[in-house]
Amino acid sequence: MAEPVTVDIPHKLDRATLRDRIERGLGKVADMLPGGTVTEHHWEGDRLQFTVEAMGQRVASTAELFDDRVHLIVDLPPFLALFADKIRDKLQRKGPSLLK
């Protein structure tokens, strides 16, 4: 069973700039998981669906764009769920750098 980690990253960007910065910063999200790399991603309107592979695990993730924030959901598989609090803390601290 997956353990979802959710984080809201505030912003003051227009949608086009926001989308571009997320595309460029996607690898930084993967770096927040031990040994993580993005293996696939696609947009569905203002929602980015992407998969990170880390420590032999596939992590389904979503970034949904809103006018004032990006809502990030990282569904951790049971093995990585052990690190959920650390991953959440890291995403909250370093999340804003994804949009720079």
N, C-alpha and C. Protein backbone atom coordinates (compact mmCIF):
# COMPACT_ATOMS: atom_id res chain seq x y z
N MET A 1 0.85 -1.19 0.00
CA MET A 1 0.00 0.00 0.00
C MET A 1 0.89 1.24 0.00
N ALA A 2 0.57 2.21 -0.84
CA ALA A 2 1.38 3.42 -0.97
C ALA A 2 1.11 4.37 0.20
N GLU A 3 2.13 5.10 0.55
CA GLU A 3 2.04 6.11 1.61
C GLU A 3 2.19 7.48 0.94
N PRO A 4 1.09 8.22 0.74
CA PRO A 4 1.22 9.50 0.04
C PRO A 4 1.85 10.59 0.92
N VAL A 5 2.81 11.27 0.34
CA VAL A 5 3.40 12.45 0.95
C VAL A 5 2.88 13.63 0.15
N THR A 6 2.23 14.58 0.81
CA THR A 6 1.70 15.75 0.11
C THR A 6 2.37 17.01 0.64
N VAL A 7 2.67 17.90 -0.29
CA VAL A 7 3.32 19.16 0.05
C VAL A 7 2.76 20.24 -0.88
N ASP A 8 2.49 21.41 -0.33
CA ASP A 8 2.10 22.56 -1.14
C ASP A 8 3.28 23.53 -1.20
N ILE A 9 3.65 23.91 -2.42
CA ILE A 9 4.75 24.85 -2.63
C ILE A 9 4.14 26.15 -3.15
N PRO A 10 4.20 27.22 -2.36
CA PRO A 10 3.61 28.49 -2.79
C PRO A 10 4.42 29.13 -3.93
N HIS A 11 3.73 29.92 -4.75
CA HIS A 11 4.39 30.64 -5.84
C HIS A 11 3.59 31.87 -6.20
N LYS A 12 4.21 32.74 -6.99
CA LYS A 12 3.55 33.94 -7.54
C LYS A 12 3.87 34.06 -9.02
N LEU A 13 3.86 32.95 -9.73
CA LEU A 13 4.24 32.89 -11.14
C LEU A 13 3.01 32.71 -12.02
N ASP A 14 3.13 33.11 -13.29
CA ASP A 14 2.07 32.80 -14.25
C ASP A 14 2.21 31.33 -14.65
N ARG A 15 1.16 30.77 -15.22
CA ARG A 15 1.13 29.33 -15.50
C ARG A 15 2.23 28.88 -16.47
N ALA A 16 2.49 29.67 -17.50
CA ALA A 16 3.51 29.26 -18.48
C ALA A 16 4.89 29.21 -17.83
N THR A 17 5.23 30.21 -17.04
CA THR A 17 6.52 30.23 -16.35
C THR A 17 6.59 29.10 -15.34
N LEU A 18 5.52 28.90 -14.60
CA LEU A 18 5.46 27.85 -13.60
C LEU A 18 5.68 26.48 -14.24
N ARG A 19 4.98 26.24 -15.31
CA ARG A 19 5.10 24.95 -16.01
C ARG A 19 6.52 24.72 -16.52
N ASP A 20 7.12 25.76 -17.08
CA ASP A 20 8.49 25.66 -17.58
C ASP A 20 9.48 25.36 -16.45
N ARG A 21 9.32 26.02 -15.33
CA ARG A 21 10.24 25.81 -14.20
C ARG A 21 10.07 24.43 -13.59
N ILE A 22 8.85 23.93 -13.58
CA ILE A 22 8.63 22.57 -13.07
C ILE A 22 9.30 21.57 -14.01
N GLU A 23 9.15 21.76 -15.30
CA GLU A 23 9.81 20.87 -16.27
C GLU A 23 11.32 20.85 -16.04
N ARG A 24 11.91 22.03 -15.87
CA ARG A 24 13.36 22.11 -15.68
C ARG A 24 13.79 21.59 -14.31
N GLY A 25 12.92 21.69 -13.30
CA GLY A 25 13.27 21.29 -11.94
C GLY A 25 12.85 19.89 -11.57
N LEU A 26 12.28 19.15 -12.51
CA LEU A 26 11.76 17.82 -12.21
C LEU A 26 12.84 16.89 -11.66
N GLY A 27 14.04 16.99 -12.18
CA GLY A 27 15.13 16.16 -11.69
C GLY A 27 15.46 16.44 -10.23
N LYS A 28 15.20 17.67 -9.78
CA LYS A 28 15.46 18.01 -8.38
C LYS A 28 14.52 17.27 -7.44
N VAL A 29 13.29 17.00 -7.90
CA VAL A 29 12.36 16.21 -7.09
C VAL A 29 12.92 14.80 -6.93
N ALA A 30 13.39 14.23 -8.02
CA ALA A 30 13.96 12.88 -7.97
C ALA A 30 15.15 12.83 -7.04
N ASP A 31 15.94 13.89 -7.03
CA ASP A 31 17.13 13.94 -6.16
C ASP A 31 16.77 13.90 -4.68
N MET A 32 15.54 14.23 -4.34
CA MET A 32 15.12 14.23 -2.95
C MET A 32 14.81 12.84 -2.42
N LEU A 33 14.76 11.86 -3.32
CA LEU A 33 14.60 10.47 -2.93
C LEU A 33 15.95 9.77 -3.09
N PRO A 34 16.31 8.89 -2.18
CA PRO A 34 17.61 8.23 -2.26
C PRO A 34 17.82 7.50 -3.59
N GLY A 35 18.78 7.96 -4.39
CA GLY A 35 19.08 7.33 -5.67
C GLY A 35 18.01 7.54 -6.72
N GLY A 36 17.20 8.59 -6.59
CA GLY A 36 16.05 8.80 -7.46
C GLY A 36 16.37 9.36 -8.83
N THR A 37 15.58 8.93 -9.82
CA THR A 37 15.65 9.47 -11.16
C THR A 37 14.25 9.44 -11.78
N VAL A 38 13.89 10.47 -12.55
CA VAL A 38 12.59 10.52 -13.22
C VAL A 38 12.67 9.62 -14.46
N THR A 39 11.77 8.65 -14.56
CA THR A 39 11.79 7.73 -15.69
C THR A 39 10.71 8.03 -16.73
N GLU A 40 9.67 8.74 -16.34
CA GLU A 40 8.62 9.13 -17.30
C GLU A 40 7.82 10.28 -16.72
N HIS A 41 7.27 11.09 -17.63
CA HIS A 41 6.39 12.18 -17.19
C HIS A 41 5.52 12.64 -18.35
N HIS A 42 4.32 13.12 -18.02
CA HIS A 42 3.43 13.69 -19.03
C HIS A 42 2.44 14.63 -18.35
N TRP A 43 2.02 15.63 -19.11
CA TRP A 43 1.06 16.62 -18.62
C TRP A 43 -0.35 16.21 -19.01
N GLU A 44 -1.28 16.43 -18.11
CA GLU A 44 -2.73 16.31 -18.36
C GLU A 44 -3.33 17.63 -17.92
N GLY A 45 -3.38 18.59 -18.81
CA GLY A 45 -3.82 19.93 -18.45
C GLY A 45 -2.81 20.57 -17.51
N ASP A 46 -3.25 20.97 -16.32
CA ASP A 46 -2.36 21.59 -15.33
C ASP A 46 -1.84 20.57 -14.31
N ARG A 47 -1.90 19.32 -14.66
CA ARG A 47 -1.43 18.26 -13.75
C ARG A 47 -0.30 17.47 -14.44
N LEU A 48 0.83 17.40 -13.77
CA LEU A 48 1.96 16.63 -14.26
C LEU A 48 2.00 15.29 -13.54
N GLN A 49 1.91 14.22 -14.29
CA GLN A 49 2.05 12.87 -13.76
C GLN A 49 3.48 12.44 -14.05
N PHE A 50 4.21 11.98 -13.04
CA PHE A 50 5.56 11.52 -13.30
C PHE A 50 5.92 10.36 -12.38
N THR A 51 6.89 9.59 -12.82
CA THR A 51 7.35 8.43 -12.07
C THR A 51 8.82 8.62 -11.74
N VAL A 52 9.14 8.39 -10.48
CA VAL A 52 10.51 8.43 -10.01
C VAL A 52 10.88 7.00 -9.62
N GLU A 53 12.06 6.58 -10.05
CA GLU A 53 12.56 5.29 -9.59
C GLU A 53 13.67 5.56 -8.59
N ALA A 54 13.55 4.93 -7.40
CA ALA A 54 14.51 5.15 -6.33
C ALA A 54 14.66 3.85 -5.53
N MET A 55 15.88 3.45 -5.32
CA MET A 55 16.19 2.25 -4.53
C MET A 55 15.40 1.04 -5.02
N GLY A 56 15.30 0.91 -6.35
CA GLY A 56 14.60 -0.23 -6.94
C GLY A 56 13.09 -0.15 -6.85
N GLN A 57 12.55 1.00 -6.44
CA GLN A 57 11.11 1.18 -6.27
C GLN A 57 10.59 2.21 -7.28
N ARG A 58 9.37 2.00 -7.76
CA ARG A 58 8.70 2.98 -8.64
C ARG A 58 7.79 3.84 -7.77
N VAL A 59 7.93 5.15 -7.91
CA VAL A 59 7.17 6.09 -7.10
C VAL A 59 6.30 6.95 -8.03
N ALA A 60 4.99 6.70 -8.02
CA ALA A 60 4.06 7.49 -8.82
C ALA A 60 3.88 8.84 -8.12
N SER A 61 3.98 9.92 -8.90
CA SER A 61 3.92 11.26 -8.33
C SER A 61 3.10 12.18 -9.21
N THR A 62 2.55 13.23 -8.59
CA THR A 62 1.73 14.20 -9.29
C THR A 62 2.08 15.60 -8.79
N ALA A 63 2.14 16.54 -9.71
CA ALA A 63 2.27 17.96 -9.37
C ALA A 63 1.09 18.67 -10.04
N GLU A 64 0.21 19.25 -9.22
CA GLU A 64 -0.95 19.96 -9.76
C GLU A 64 -0.76 21.45 -9.55
N LEU A 65 -0.94 22.21 -10.64
CA LEU A 65 -0.71 23.65 -10.62
C LEU A 65 -1.97 24.40 -10.23
N PHE A 66 -1.82 25.31 -9.29
CA PHE A 66 -2.89 26.22 -8.89
C PHE A 66 -2.34 27.64 -9.01
N ASP A 67 -3.22 28.64 -8.92
CA ASP A 67 -2.80 30.03 -9.08
C ASP A 67 -1.77 30.47 -8.05
N ASP A 68 -1.81 29.89 -6.85
CA ASP A 68 -0.93 30.35 -5.77
C ASP A 68 -0.02 29.28 -5.19
N ARG A 69 -0.13 28.03 -5.71
CA ARG A 69 0.68 26.95 -5.17
C ARG A 69 0.76 25.79 -6.15
N VAL A 70 1.74 24.93 -5.91
CA VAL A 70 1.84 23.65 -6.60
C VAL A 70 1.58 22.59 -5.54
N HIS A 71 0.62 21.74 -5.80
CA HIS A 71 0.29 20.65 -4.87
C HIS A 71 1.00 19.40 -5.37
N LEU A 72 1.96 18.94 -4.58
CA LEU A 72 2.79 17.80 -4.94
C LEU A 72 2.37 16.58 -4.12
N ILE A 73 2.13 15.46 -4.81
CA ILE A 73 1.80 14.20 -4.16
C ILE A 73 2.81 13.16 -4.62
N VAL A 74 3.48 12.56 -3.65
CA VAL A 74 4.45 11.51 -3.93
C VAL A 74 3.95 10.26 -3.21
N ASP A 75 3.52 9.24 -3.98
CA ASP A 75 2.97 8.01 -3.42
C ASP A 75 4.10 7.01 -3.17
N LEU A 76 4.55 6.96 -1.93
CA LEU A 76 5.67 6.10 -1.59
C LEU A 76 5.22 4.65 -1.41
N PRO A 77 5.94 3.70 -2.03
CA PRO A 77 5.64 2.29 -1.78
C PRO A 77 6.07 1.94 -0.35
N PRO A 78 5.63 0.80 0.15
CA PRO A 78 5.89 0.45 1.56
C PRO A 78 7.35 0.58 1.99
N PHE A 79 8.29 0.13 1.18
CA PHE A 79 9.69 0.21 1.58
C PHE A 79 10.15 1.65 1.79
N LEU A 80 9.79 2.55 0.87
CA LEU A 80 10.20 3.95 0.99
C LEU A 80 9.34 4.72 1.99
N ALA A 81 8.17 4.17 2.34
CA ALA A 81 7.31 4.84 3.33
C ALA A 81 8.02 5.00 4.67
N LEU A 82 9.03 4.19 4.91
CA LEU A 82 9.83 4.32 6.13
C LEU A 82 10.49 5.69 6.21
N PHE A 83 10.70 6.31 5.05
CA PHE A 83 11.38 7.60 4.97
C PHE A 83 10.41 8.75 4.73
N ALA A 84 9.10 8.52 4.88
CA ALA A 84 8.08 9.52 4.53
C ALA A 84 8.29 10.86 5.22
N ASP A 85 8.55 10.86 6.51
CA ASP A 85 8.73 12.12 7.23
C ASP A 85 9.95 12.89 6.74
N LYS A 86 11.04 12.18 6.50
CA LYS A 86 12.26 12.84 6.00
C LYS A 86 12.05 13.40 4.60
N ILE A 87 11.37 12.63 3.76
CA ILE A 87 11.10 13.09 2.40
C ILE A 87 10.17 14.30 2.42
N ARG A 88 9.14 14.26 3.24
CA ARG A 88 8.21 15.39 3.37
C ARG A 88 8.96 16.65 3.83
N ASP A 89 9.78 16.50 4.86
CA ASP A 89 10.56 17.65 5.37
C ASP A 89 11.47 18.23 4.29
N LYS A 90 12.12 17.35 3.55
CA LYS A 90 13.03 17.80 2.50
C LYS A 90 12.26 18.53 1.39
N LEU A 91 11.12 17.98 1.00
CA LEU A 91 10.30 18.63 -0.03
C LEU A 91 9.80 20.00 0.43
N GLN A 92 9.42 20.12 1.70
CA GLN A 92 8.94 21.40 2.22
C GLN A 92 10.07 22.43 2.27
N ARG A 93 11.26 22.00 2.67
CA ARG A 93 12.39 22.92 2.77
C ARG A 93 12.94 23.32 1.40
N LYS A 94 13.08 22.33 0.51
CA LYS A 94 13.73 22.58 -0.77
C LYS A 94 12.75 22.75 -1.92
N GLY A 95 11.48 22.54 -1.67
CA GLY A 95 10.47 22.66 -2.72
C GLY A 95 10.48 23.97 -3.48
N PRO A 96 10.57 25.12 -2.76
CA PRO A 96 10.58 26.39 -3.48
C PRO A 96 11.73 26.53 -4.47
N SER A 97 12.84 25.84 -4.24
CA SER A 97 13.96 25.92 -5.18
C SER A 97 13.64 25.23 -6.49
N LEU A 98 12.62 24.37 -6.51
CA LEU A 98 12.20 23.71 -7.75
C LEU A 98 11.63 24.72 -8.74
N LEU A 99 11.16 25.85 -8.23
CA LEU A 99 10.48 26.83 -9.08
C LEU A 99 11.38 27.99 -9.46
N LYS A 100 12.66 27.89 -9.17
CA LYS A 100 13.60 28.97 -9.52
C LYS A 100 14.38 28.66 -10.75
